[in-house]
PDB file of N, CA and C in Angstrom:
ATOM      1  N   MET A   1     104.678 101.908 100.705  1.00  0.00           N
ATOM      2  CA  MET A   1     104.018 102.029  99.417  1.00  0.00           C
ATOM      3  C   MET A   1     105.040 102.329  98.328  1.00  0.00           C
ATOM      4  N   ARG A   2     104.856 101.681  97.224  1.00  0.00           N
ATOM      5  CA  ARG A   2     105.726 101.945  96.085  1.00  0.00           C
ATOM      6  C   ARG A   2     105.208 103.165  95.343  1.00  0.00           C
ATOM      7  N   GLU A   3     106.126 104.036  94.982  1.00  0.00           N
ATOM      8  CA  GLU A   3     105.770 105.244  94.255  1.00  0.00           C
ATOM      9  C   GLU A   3     105.173 104.874  92.903  1.00  0.00           C
ATOM     10  N   GLY A   4     104.072 105.502  92.570  1.00  0.00           N
ATOM     11  CA  GLY A   4     103.433 105.276  91.285  1.00  0.00           C
ATOM     12  C   GLY A   4     102.505 104.074  91.230  1.00  0.00           C
ATOM     13  N   VAL A   5     102.370 103.341  92.343  1.00  0.00           N
ATOM     14  CA  VAL A   5     101.480 102.177  92.381  1.00  0.00           C
ATOM     15  C   VAL A   5     100.286 102.522  93.264  1.00  0.00           C
ATOM     16  N   ALA A   6      99.095 102.426  92.682  1.00  0.00           N
ATOM     17  CA  ALA A   6      97.882 102.751  93.432  1.00  0.00           C
ATOM     18  C   ALA A   6      97.604 101.674  94.475  1.00  0.00           C
ATOM     19  N   SER A   7      97.249 102.094  95.674  1.00  0.00           N
ATOM     20  CA  SER A   7      96.927 101.161  96.747  1.00  0.00           C
ATOM     21  C   SER A   7      95.525 100.597  96.540  1.00  0.00           C
ATOM     22  N   LEU A   8      95.334  99.353  96.951  1.00  0.00           N
ATOM     23  CA  LEU A   8      94.005  98.747  96.883  1.00  0.00           C
ATOM     24  C   LEU A   8      93.128  99.203  98.036  1.00  0.00           C
ATOM     25  N   THR A   9      93.752  99.675  99.104  1.00  0.00           N
ATOM     26  CA  THR A   9      93.014 100.025 100.318  1.00  0.00           C
ATOM     27  C   THR A   9      93.290 101.474 100.713  1.00  0.00           C
ATOM     28  N   PRO A  10      92.351 102.102 101.410  1.00  0.00           N
ATOM     29  CA  PRO A  10      92.585 103.469 101.893  1.00  0.00           C
ATOM     30  C   PRO A  10      93.705 103.494 102.939  1.00  0.00           C
ATOM     31  N   ALA A  11      94.399 104.601 103.035  1.00  0.00           N
ATOM     32  CA  ALA A  11      95.518 104.739 103.965  1.00  0.00           C
ATOM     33  C   ALA A  11      95.102 104.461 105.409  1.00  0.00           C
ATOM     34  N   GLN A  12      93.935 104.926 105.808  1.00  0.00           N
ATOM     35  CA  GLN A  12      93.448 104.702 107.178  1.00  0.00           C
ATOM     36  C   GLN A  12      93.271 103.205 107.455  1.00  0.00           C
ATOM     37  N   THR A  13      92.755 102.479 106.490  1.00  0.00           N
ATOM     38  CA  THR A  13      92.589 101.035 106.627  1.00  0.00           C
ATOM     39  C   THR A  13      93.946 100.359 106.772  1.00  0.00           C
ATOM     40  N   ASP A  14      94.913 100.789 105.978  1.00  0.00           N
ATOM     41  CA  ASP A  14      96.281 100.252 106.077  1.00  0.00           C
ATOM     42  C   ASP A  14      96.847 100.466 107.473  1.00  0.00           C
ATOM     43  N   ARG A  15      96.688 101.675 108.010  1.00  0.00           N
ATOM     44  CA  ARG A  15      97.224 101.988 109.342  1.00  0.00           C
ATOM     45  C   ARG A  15      96.583 101.115 110.409  1.00  0.00           C
ATOM     46  N   HIS A  16      95.276 100.975 110.357  1.00  0.00           N
ATOM     47  CA  HIS A  16      94.579 100.134 111.340  1.00  0.00           C
ATOM     48  C   HIS A  16      95.018  98.678 111.218  1.00  0.00           C
ATOM     49  N   PHE A  17      95.113  98.204 110.000  1.00  0.00           N
ATOM     50  CA  PHE A  17      95.516  96.822 109.788  1.00  0.00           C
ATOM     51  C   PHE A  17      96.917  96.572 110.344  1.00  0.00           C
ATOM     52  N   MET A  18      97.834  97.471 110.041  1.00  0.00           N
ATOM     53  CA  MET A  18      99.226  97.278 110.464  1.00  0.00           C
ATOM     54  C   MET A  18      99.389  97.400 111.972  1.00  0.00           C
ATOM     55  N   THR A  19      98.622  98.244 112.616  1.00  0.00           N
ATOM     56  CA  THR A  19      98.789  98.429 114.059  1.00  0.00           C
ATOM     57  C   THR A  19      98.012  97.423 114.890  1.00  0.00           C
ATOM     58  N   ILE A  20      96.922  96.892 114.346  1.00  0.00           N
ATOM     59  CA  ILE A  20      96.076  95.989 115.140  1.00  0.00           C
ATOM     60  C   ILE A  20      96.081  94.566 114.582  1.00  0.00           C
ATOM     61  N   ALA A  21      95.643  94.394 113.357  1.00  0.00           N
ATOM     62  CA  ALA A  21      95.416  93.055 112.815  1.00  0.00           C
ATOM     63  C   ALA A  21      96.707  92.267 112.575  1.00  0.00           C
ATOM     64  N   ALA A  22      97.698  92.890 111.958  1.00  0.00           N
ATOM     65  CA  ALA A  22      98.926  92.155 111.629  1.00  0.00           C
ATOM     66  C   ALA A  22      99.614  91.594 112.876  1.00  0.00           C
ATOM     67  N   PRO A  23      99.868  92.402 113.920  1.00  0.00           N
ATOM     68  CA  PRO A  23     100.489  91.832 115.128  1.00  0.00           C
ATOM     69  C   PRO A  23      99.612  90.765 115.780  1.00  0.00           C
ATOM     70  N   LEU A  24      98.298  90.961 115.763  1.00  0.00           N
ATOM     71  CA  LEU A  24      97.388  89.979 116.354  1.00  0.00           C
ATOM     72  C   LEU A  24      97.454  88.640 115.615  1.00  0.00           C
ATOM     73  N   MET A  25      97.504  88.688 114.295  1.00  0.00           N
ATOM     74  CA  MET A  25      97.604  87.471 113.497  1.00  0.00           C
ATOM     75  C   MET A  25      98.878  86.702 113.836  1.00  0.00           C
ATOM     76  N   LEU A  26      99.993  87.412 113.889  1.00  0.00           N
ATOM     77  CA  LEU A  26     101.265  86.753 114.176  1.00  0.00           C
ATOM     78  C   LEU A  26     101.330  86.242 115.604  1.00  0.00           C
ATOM     79  N   ASP A  27     100.849  87.035 116.549  1.00  0.00           N
ATOM     80  CA  ASP A  27     100.849  86.590 117.945  1.00  0.00           C
ATOM     81  C   ASP A  27      99.978  85.345 118.115  1.00  0.00           C
ATOM     82  N   SER A  28      98.856  85.298 117.428  1.00  0.00           N
ATOM     83  CA  SER A  28      97.977  84.129 117.496  1.00  0.00           C
ATOM     84  C   SER A  28      98.674  82.897 116.928  1.00  0.00           C
ATOM     85  N   ALA A  29      99.309  83.046 115.798  1.00  0.00           N
ATOM     86  CA  ALA A  29     100.003  81.918 115.172  1.00  0.00           C
ATOM     87  C   ALA A  29     101.169  81.431 116.037  1.00  0.00           C
ATOM     88  N   GLU A  30     101.813  82.351 116.759  1.00  0.00           N
ATOM     89  CA  GLU A  30     102.939  81.989 117.633  1.00  0.00           C
ATOM     90  C   GLU A  30     102.521  81.026 118.746  1.00  0.00           C
ATOM     91  N   LYS A  31     101.242  80.994 119.093  1.00  0.00           N
ATOM     92  CA  LYS A  31     100.753  80.104 120.152  1.00  0.00           C
ATOM     93  C   LYS A  31     101.009  78.636 119.812  1.00  0.00           C
ATOM     94  N   LEU A  32     101.122  78.322 118.530  1.00  0.00           N
ATOM     95  CA  LEU A  32     101.363  76.941 118.100  1.00  0.00           C
ATOM     96  C   LEU A  32     102.850  76.601 117.988  1.00  0.00           C
ATOM     97  N   ARG A  33     103.704  77.572 118.185  1.00  0.00           N
ATOM     98  CA  ARG A  33     105.143  77.366 118.029  1.00  0.00           C
ATOM     99  C   ARG A  33     105.680  76.187 118.851  1.00  0.00           C
ATOM    100  N   PRO A  34     105.308  76.048 120.131  1.00  0.00           N
ATOM    101  CA  PRO A  34     105.857  74.921 120.902  1.00  0.00           C
ATOM    102  C   PRO A  34     105.493  73.548 120.313  1.00  0.00           C
ATOM    103  N   PHE A  35     104.428  73.491 119.576  1.00  0.00           N
ATOM    104  CA  PHE A  35     103.963  72.227 119.024  1.00  0.00           C
ATOM    105  C   PHE A  35     104.383  72.023 117.570  1.00  0.00           C
ATOM    106  N   CYS A  36     104.451  73.120 116.817  1.00  0.00           N
ATOM    107  CA  CYS A  36     104.662  73.027 115.369  1.00  0.00           C
ATOM    108  C   CYS A  36     106.023  73.522 114.901  1.00  0.00           C
ATOM    109  N   GLY A  37     106.753  74.206 115.768  1.00  0.00           N
ATOM    110  CA  GLY A  37     108.044  74.765 115.377  1.00  0.00           C
ATOM    111  C   GLY A  37     107.924  76.226 114.991  1.00  0.00           C
ATOM    112  N   ALA A  38     109.038  76.779 114.567  1.00  0.00           N
ATOM    113  CA  ALA A  38     109.115  78.207 114.233  1.00  0.00           C
ATOM    114  C   ALA A  38     108.298  78.535 112.984  1.00  0.00           C
ATOM    115  N   ILE A  39     107.734  79.725 112.975  1.00  0.00           N
ATOM    116  CA  ILE A  39     106.987  80.219 111.817  1.00  0.00           C
ATOM    117  C   ILE A  39     107.994  80.753 110.797  1.00  0.00           C
ATOM    118  N   ARG A  40     107.896  80.295 109.567  1.00  0.00           N
ATOM    119  CA  ARG A  40     108.746  80.828 108.500  1.00  0.00           C
ATOM    120  C   ARG A  40     108.134  82.107 107.930  1.00  0.00           C
ATOM    121  N   ARG A  41     106.825  82.060 107.755  1.00  0.00           N
ATOM    122  CA  ARG A  41     106.091  83.217 107.232  1.00  0.00           C
ATOM    123  C   ARG A  41     104.617  82.942 107.406  1.00  0.00           C
ATOM    124  N   ILE A  42     103.843  84.005 107.341  1.00  0.00           N
ATOM    125  CA  ILE A  42     102.390  83.880 107.281  1.00  0.00           C
ATOM    126  C   ILE A  42     101.967  84.559 105.983  1.00  0.00           C
ATOM    127  N   ALA A  43     101.144  83.883 105.223  1.00  0.00           N
ATOM    128  CA  ALA A  43     100.683  84.439 103.953  1.00  0.00           C
ATOM    129  C   ALA A  43      99.165  84.452 103.932  1.00  0.00           C
ATOM    130  N   VAL A  44      98.604  85.563 103.466  1.00  0.00           N
ATOM    131  CA  VAL A  44      97.166  85.690 103.279  1.00  0.00           C
ATOM    132  C   VAL A  44      96.971  85.992 101.803  1.00  0.00           C
ATOM    133  N   ASN A  45      96.326  85.068 101.118  1.00  0.00           N
ATOM    134  CA  ASN A  45      96.180  85.178  99.671  1.00  0.00           C
ATOM    135  C   ASN A  45      94.766  85.637  99.329  1.00  0.00           C
ATOM    136  N   TYR A  46      94.635  86.889  98.935  1.00  0.00           N
ATOM    137  CA  TYR A  46      93.367  87.445  98.471  1.00  0.00           C
ATOM    138  C   TYR A  46      93.282  87.290  96.960  1.00  0.00           C
ATOM    139  N   ASP A  47      92.128  87.592  96.381  1.00  0.00           N
ATOM    140  CA  ASP A  47      91.987  87.547  94.923  1.00  0.00           C
ATOM    141  C   ASP A  47      92.955  88.504  94.241  1.00  0.00           C
ATOM    142  N   LYS A  48      93.132  89.698  94.832  1.00  0.00           N
ATOM    143  CA  LYS A  48      93.903  90.747  94.170  1.00  0.00           C
ATOM    144  C   LYS A  48      95.322  90.923  94.695  1.00  0.00           C
ATOM    145  N   VAL A  49      95.640  90.346  95.836  1.00  0.00           N
ATOM    146  CA  VAL A  49      96.956  90.589  96.421  1.00  0.00           C
ATOM    147  C   VAL A  49      97.323  89.453  97.379  1.00  0.00           C
ATOM    148  N   LEU A  50      98.606  89.224  97.496  1.00  0.00           N
ATOM    149  CA  LEU A  50      99.136  88.279  98.474  1.00  0.00           C
ATOM    150  C   LEU A  50      99.874  89.103  99.525  1.00  0.00           C
ATOM    151  N   LEU A  51      99.448  88.990 100.783  1.00  0.00           N
ATOM    152  CA  LEU A  51     100.149  89.652 101.882  1.00  0.00           C
ATOM    153  C   LEU A  51     101.013  88.610 102.570  1.00  0.00           C
ATOM    154  N   VAL A  52     102.283  88.926 102.756  1.00  0.00           N
ATOM    155  CA  VAL A  52     103.214  87.994 103.388  1.00  0.00           C
ATOM    156  C   VAL A  52     103.841  88.696 104.587  1.00  0.00           C
ATOM    157  N   PHE A  53     103.846  87.996 105.719  1.00  0.00           N
ATOM    158  CA  PHE A  53     104.344  88.537 106.985  1.00  0.00           C
ATOM    159  C   PHE A  53     105.574  87.750 107.414  1.00  0.00           C
ATOM    160  N   TYR A  54     106.628  88.475 107.740  1.00  0.00           N
ATOM    161  CA  TYR A  54     107.843  87.884 108.294  1.00  0.00           C
ATOM    162  C   TYR A  54     108.136  88.624 109.589  1.00  0.00           C
ATOM    163  N   ARG A  55     108.399  87.889 110.662  1.00  0.00           N
ATOM    164  CA  ARG A  55     108.731  88.539 111.929  1.00  0.00           C
ATOM    165  C   ARG A  55     110.211  88.345 112.208  1.00  0.00           C
ATOM    166  N   THR A  56     110.855  89.440 112.587  1.00  0.00           N
ATOM    167  CA  THR A  56     112.224  89.367 113.086  1.00  0.00           C
ATOM    168  C   THR A  56     112.156  89.715 114.566  1.00  0.00           C
ATOM    169  N   THR A  57     113.281  89.685 115.232  1.00  0.00           N
ATOM    170  CA  THR A  57     113.257  90.028 116.653  1.00  0.00           C
ATOM    171  C   THR A  57     112.806  91.458 116.881  1.00  0.00           C
ATOM    172  N   ALA A  58     113.132  92.337 115.981  1.00  0.00           N
ATOM    173  CA  ALA A  58     112.837  93.751 116.182  1.00  0.00           C
ATOM    174  C   ALA A  58     111.709  94.297 115.303  1.00  0.00           C
ATOM    175  N   HIS A  59     111.341  93.590 114.250  1.00  0.00           N
ATOM    176  CA  HIS A  59     110.410  94.154 113.279  1.00  0.00           C
ATOM    177  C   HIS A  59     109.387  93.138 112.788  1.00  0.00           C
ATOM    178  N   LEU A  60     108.318  93.677 112.266  1.00  0.00           N
ATOM    179  CA  LEU A  60     107.332  92.900 111.538  1.00  0.00           C
ATOM    180  C   LEU A  60     107.384  93.404 110.098  1.00  0.00           C
ATOM    181  N   VAL A  61     107.762  92.532 109.185  1.00  0.00           N
ATOM    182  CA  VAL A  61     107.898  92.902 107.778  1.00  0.00           C
ATOM    183  C   VAL A  61     106.667  92.379 107.049  1.00  0.00           C
ATOM    184  N   VAL A  62     105.954  93.282 106.391  1.00  0.00           N
ATOM    185  CA  VAL A  62     104.757  92.901 105.643  1.00  0.00           C
ATOM    186  C   VAL A  62     104.948  93.344 104.199  1.00  0.00           C
ATOM    187  N   LEU A  63     104.782  92.397 103.297  1.00  0.00           N
ATOM    188  CA  LEU A  63     104.924  92.692 101.872  1.00  0.00           C
ATOM    189  C   LEU A  63     103.614  92.392 101.166  1.00  0.00           C
ATOM    190  N   SER A  64     103.274  93.221 100.206  1.00  0.00           N
ATOM    191  CA  SER A  64     102.131  92.926  99.342  1.00  0.00           C
ATOM    192  C   SER A  64     102.694  92.584  97.967  1.00  0.00           C
ATOM    193  N   LEU A  65     102.261  91.443  97.458  1.00  0.00           N
ATOM    194  CA  LEU A  65     102.793  90.924  96.201  1.00  0.00           C
ATOM    195  C   LEU A  65     101.652  90.513  95.283  1.00  0.00           C
ATOM    196  N   GLU A  66     101.993  90.247  94.038  1.00  0.00           N
ATOM    197  CA  GLU A  66     101.017  89.695  93.109  1.00  0.00           C
ATOM    198  C   GLU A  66     100.559  88.338  93.656  1.00  0.00           C
ATOM    199  N   PRO A  67      99.295  87.989  93.510  1.00  0.00           N
ATOM    200  CA  PRO A  67      98.790  86.753  94.122  1.00  0.00           C
ATOM    201  C   PRO A  67      99.405  85.460  93.585  1.00  0.00           C
ATOM    202  N   GLN A  68     100.028  85.489  92.420  1.00  0.00           N
ATOM    203  CA  GLN A  68     100.554  84.265  91.812  1.00  0.00           C
ATOM    204  C   GLN A  68     102.026  83.998  92.140  1.00  0.00           C
ATOM    205  N   VAL A  69     102.559  84.577  93.183  1.00  0.00           N
ATOM    206  CA  VAL A  69     103.980  84.416  93.513  1.00  0.00           C
ATOM    207  C   VAL A  69     104.278  82.961  93.865  1.00  0.00           C
ATOM    208  N   GLU A  70     105.409  82.479  93.376  1.00  0.00           N
ATOM    209  CA  GLU A  70     105.850  81.110  93.653  1.00  0.00           C
ATOM    210  C   GLU A  70     106.346  80.985  95.094  1.00  0.00           C
ATOM    211  N   PRO A  71     106.037  79.886  95.770  1.00  0.00           N
ATOM    212  CA  PRO A  71     106.514  79.682  97.141  1.00  0.00           C
ATOM    213  C   PRO A  71     108.038  79.779  97.281  1.00  0.00           C
ATOM    214  N   ALA A  72     108.777  79.367  96.260  1.00  0.00           N
ATOM    215  CA  ALA A  72     110.248  79.453  96.320  1.00  0.00           C
ATOM    216  C   ALA A  72     110.707  80.905  96.474  1.00  0.00           C
ATOM    217  N   LEU A  73     110.011  81.836  95.817  1.00  0.00           N
ATOM    218  CA  LEU A  73     110.359  83.244  95.964  1.00  0.00           C
ATOM    219  C   LEU A  73     110.086  83.720  97.382  1.00  0.00           C
ATOM    220  N   LEU A  74     109.001  83.253  97.976  1.00  0.00           N
ATOM    221  CA  LEU A  74     108.690  83.626  99.364  1.00  0.00           C
ATOM    222  C   LEU A  74     109.767  83.121 100.313  1.00  0.00           C
ATOM    223  N   ASP A  75     110.305  81.921 100.028  1.00  0.00           N
ATOM    224  CA  ASP A  75     111.419  81.406 100.826  1.00  0.00           C
ATOM    225  C   ASP A  75     112.658  82.283 100.670  1.00  0.00           C
ATOM    226  N   GLU A  76     112.946  82.697  99.442  1.00  0.00           N
ATOM    227  CA  GLU A  76     114.103  83.572  99.190  1.00  0.00           C
ATOM    228  C   GLU A  76     113.951  84.901  99.928  1.00  0.00           C
ATOM    229  N   ILE A  77     112.765  85.463  99.878  1.00  0.00           N
ATOM    230  CA  ILE A  77     112.517  86.725 100.582  1.00  0.00           C
ATOM    231  C   ILE A  77     112.709  86.526 102.082  1.00  0.00           C
ATOM    232  N   GLY A  78     112.167  85.435 102.628  1.00  0.00           N
ATOM    233  CA  GLY A  78     112.329  85.142 104.046  1.00  0.00           C
ATOM    234  C   GLY A  78     113.793  85.009 104.431  1.00  0.00           C
ATOM    235  N   ASN A  79     114.573  84.329 103.607  1.00  0.00           N
ATOM    236  CA  ASN A  79     116.007  84.199 103.878  1.00  0.00           C
ATOM    237  C   ASN A  79     116.699  85.551 103.854  1.00  0.00           C
ATOM    238  N   ALA A  80     116.308  86.413 102.907  1.00  0.00           N
ATOM    239  CA  ALA A  80     116.894  87.748 102.829  1.00  0.00           C
ATOM    240  C   ALA A  80     116.543  88.579 104.064  1.00  0.00           C
ATOM    241  N   VAL A  81     115.303  88.467 104.542  1.00  0.00           N
ATOM    242  CA  VAL A  81     114.880  89.189 105.749  1.00  0.00           C
ATOM    243  C   VAL A  81     115.710  88.721 106.940  1.00  0.00           C
ATOM    244  N   ARG A  82     115.904  87.408 107.061  1.00  0.00           N
ATOM    245  CA  ARG A  82     116.704  86.873 108.171  1.00  0.00           C
ATOM    246  C   ARG A  82     118.162  87.328 108.074  1.00  0.00           C
ATOM    247  N   LYS A  83     118.715  87.364 106.849  1.00  0.00           N
ATOM    248  CA  LYS A  83     120.097  87.831 106.670  1.00  0.00           C
ATOM    249  C   LYS A  83     120.227  89.298 107.073  1.00  0.00           C
ATOM    250  N   LEU A  84     119.236  90.108 106.712  1.00  0.00           N
ATOM    251  CA  LEU A  84     119.255  91.516 107.118  1.00  0.00           C
ATOM    252  C   LEU A  84     119.219  91.640 108.630  1.00  0.00           C
ATOM    253  N   GLU A  85     118.422  90.804 109.271  1.00  0.00           N
ATOM    254  CA  GLU A  85     118.332  90.829 110.724  1.00  0.00           C
ATOM    255  C   GLU A  85     119.688  90.464 111.340  1.00  0.00           C
ATOM    256  N   LEU A  86     120.332  89.436 110.804  1.00  0.00           N
ATOM    257  CA  LEU A  86     121.639  89.027 111.317  1.00  0.00           C
ATOM    258  C   LEU A  86     122.681  90.112 111.091  1.00  0.00           C
ATOM    259  N   ALA A  87     122.642  90.746 109.920  1.00  0.00           N
ATOM    260  CA  ALA A  87     123.586  91.821 109.623  1.00  0.00           C
ATOM    261  C   ALA A  87     123.368  93.005 110.547  1.00  0.00           C
ATOM    262  N   THR A  88     122.116  93.332 110.814  1.00  0.00           N
ATOM    263  CA  THR A  88     121.795  94.432 111.720  1.00  0.00           C
ATOM    264  C   THR A  88     122.270  94.118 113.130  1.00  0.00           C
ATOM    265  N   ALA A  89     122.075  92.877 113.564  1.00  0.00           N
ATOM    266  CA  ALA A  89     122.533  92.463 114.896  1.00  0.00           C
ATOM    267  C   ALA A  89     124.048  92.542 114.981  1.00  0.00           C
ATOM    268  N   ALA A  90     124.739  92.109 113.933  1.00  0.00           N
ATOM    269  CA  ALA A  90     126.203  92.167 113.918  1.00  0.00           C
ATOM    270  C   ALA A  90     126.687  93.612 113.952  1.00  0.00           C
ATOM    271  N   ASP A  91     126.010  94.488 113.217  1.00  0.00           N
ATOM    272  CA  ASP A  91     126.373  95.913 113.232  1.00  0.00           C
ATOM    273  C   ASP A  91     126.192  96.508 114.622  1.00  0.00           C
ATOM    274  N   SER A  92     125.135  96.112 115.309  1.00  0.00           N
ATOM    275  CA  SER A  92     124.881  96.608 116.669  1.00  0.00           C
ATOM    276  C   SER A  92     125.976  96.175 117.616  1.00  0.00           C
ATOM    277  N   VAL A  93     126.417  94.927 117.502  1.00  0.00           N
ATOM    278  CA  VAL A  93     127.488  94.420 118.362  1.00  0.00           C
ATOM    279  C   VAL A  93     128.772  95.178 118.088  1.00  0.00           C
ATOM    280  N   THR A  94     129.106  95.381 116.811  1.00  0.00           N
ATOM    281  CA  THR A  94     130.308  96.115 116.443  1.00  0.00           C
ATOM    282  C   THR A  94     130.260  97.540 116.978  1.00  0.00           C
ATOM    283  N   GLU A  95     129.102  98.186 116.847  1.00  0.00           N
ATOM    284  CA  GLU A  95     128.930  99.551 117.325  1.00  0.00           C
ATOM    285  C   GLU A  95     129.130  99.623 118.852  1.00  0.00           C
ATOM    286  N   LYS A  96     128.580  98.662 119.568  1.00  0.00           N
ATOM    287  CA  LYS A  96     128.719  98.639 121.030  1.00  0.00           C
ATOM    288  C   LYS A  96     130.178  98.419 121.422  1.00  0.00           C
ATOM    289  N   GLU A  97     130.874  97.557 120.683  1.00  0.00           N
ATOM    290  CA  GLU A  97     132.281  97.289 120.983  1.00  0.00           C
ATOM    291  C   GLU A  97     133.136  98.521 120.747  1.00  0.00           C
ATOM    292  N   GLN A  98     132.787  99.349 119.762  1.00  0.00           N
ATOM    293  CA  GLN A  98     133.542 100.547 119.459  1.00  0.00           C
ATOM    294  C   GLN A  98     133.315 101.646 120.486  1.00  0.00           C
ATOM    295  N   ASN A  99     132.194 101.601 121.163  1.00  0.00           N
ATOM    296  CA  ASN A  99     131.886 102.626 122.162  1.00  0.00           C
ATOM    297  C   ASN A  99     132.456 102.180 123.454  1.00  0.00           C
TER     298      ASN A  99
END
C-alpha cells in the first residue's frame, strides 16, 4: 500500500485475495502455457482500478494502477520486474561463490 492513498478494499479482503485468488488465477492461466507460450502478465481491468500480475520464479508481483494505463507501460514494468529477478539471481550466485 502506498502511504497516503486510501485503499478501495478492506485489508482482510486484500489478504484473502492475495493468498487465494491471485495464485489461483495465475496457476490456471499457466495451464495454457504449453499451447500459447509464456505469460507476460495478467491484467484485470475494473472500473476503478487495473490489477496487473507478474510472476517471477520466486515471487508474485501484483500492482494496482489507474485503469487507463497504456499497454506499453505495462510492458516496461514487466521488463523491469524481469530485470530485478535476473539481478537478484546474479546476486545469489555471487553470494554463494563468496561463501
